[in-house]
Amino acid sequence: MKIVDSAAGILIKHKKILLCKRSKDERRFPLCWGCPGGVRDSQNESFEEIAIREVKEELGLKFTPK
């Protein structure tokens, strides 16, 4: 089994959670809803940096983990 480091951002505002709907063309879990996230791009990237980058890439939003 291969271990892959990944992180996701859970954005909550006014007691609501922002979810993303995956494309129908995604190989895994097409058309499913989930939080924006992904895998580490470099060994130096922290989990916080992964979450920040993925939210920016997928949603175009600035995100500060708390």
Protein backbone atom coordinates (compact mmCIF):
# COMPACT_ATOMS: atom_id res chain seq x y z
CA MET A 1 0.00 0.00 0.00
CA LYS A 2 1.33 3.42 -0.99
CA ILE A 3 1.00 6.27 1.52
CA VAL A 4 0.19 9.67 0.00
CA ASP A 5 0.26 12.89 2.02
CA SER A 6 -2.77 15.06 1.35
CA ALA A 7 -4.85 17.82 2.93
CA ALA A 8 -8.20 19.50 2.44
CA GLY A 9 -9.76 22.80 3.45
CA ILE A 10 -13.09 22.87 5.24
CA LEU A 11 -14.53 26.34 4.79
CA ILE A 12 -17.24 27.32 7.27
CA LYS A 13 -19.08 30.66 7.25
CA HIS A 14 -22.39 31.48 8.92
CA LYS A 15 -22.67 27.83 10.04
CA LYS A 16 -22.53 26.65 6.39
CA ILE A 17 -19.84 24.43 4.81
CA LEU A 18 -18.62 25.13 1.29
CA LEU A 19 -18.40 21.99 -0.86
CA CYS A 20 -17.15 21.38 -4.41
CA LYS A 21 -18.82 19.11 -6.93
CA ARG A 22 -16.38 16.92 -8.81
CA SER A 23 -16.46 16.84 -12.61
CA LYS A 24 -18.22 13.99 -14.40
CA ASP A 25 -14.85 13.32 -16.07
CA GLU A 26 -12.99 12.63 -12.80
CA ARG A 27 -11.57 9.12 -12.65
CA ARG A 28 -12.41 8.72 -8.96
CA PHE A 29 -15.76 9.70 -7.47
CA PRO A 30 -17.21 11.62 -10.45
CA LEU A 31 -20.06 14.03 -9.64
CA CYS A 32 -19.55 13.58 -5.88
CA TRP A 33 -19.46 16.52 -3.45
CA GLY A 34 -16.50 17.17 -1.16
CA CYS A 35 -14.11 19.66 0.35
CA PRO A 36 -11.35 21.11 -1.83
CA GLY A 37 -8.12 19.22 -1.31
CA GLY A 38 -5.25 17.39 -2.90
CA VAL A 39 -1.81 15.88 -2.56
CA ARG A 40 1.57 17.31 -1.65
CA ASP A 41 3.41 18.89 -4.62
CA SER A 42 6.84 18.88 -2.97
CA GLN A 43 8.44 17.29 0.09
CA ASN A 44 8.86 20.75 1.64
CA GLU A 45 5.14 21.60 1.49
CA SER A 46 3.34 21.48 4.86
CA PHE A 47 -0.21 20.21 5.30
CA GLU A 48 -1.38 23.80 5.87
CA GLU A 49 0.30 24.88 2.63
CA ILE A 50 -1.37 22.01 0.75
CA ALA A 51 -4.82 23.07 2.01
CA ILE A 52 -4.19 26.75 1.20
CA ARG A 53 -2.94 25.93 -2.32
CA GLU A 54 -5.78 23.54 -3.11
CA VAL A 55 -8.51 25.97 -1.99
CA LYS A 56 -6.88 28.66 -4.15
CA GLU A 57 -6.56 26.34 -7.18
CA GLU A 58 -10.03 24.83 -6.98
CA LEU A 59 -12.10 27.78 -5.75
CA GLY A 60 -9.98 30.89 -6.30
CA LEU A 61 -10.38 31.79 -2.61
CA LYS A 62 -7.86 32.91 -0.01
CA PHE A 63 -7.94 30.54 2.93
CA THR A 64 -6.26 30.78 6.34
CA PRO A 65 -6.40 27.56 8.40
CA LYS A 66 -7.43 28.01 12.02
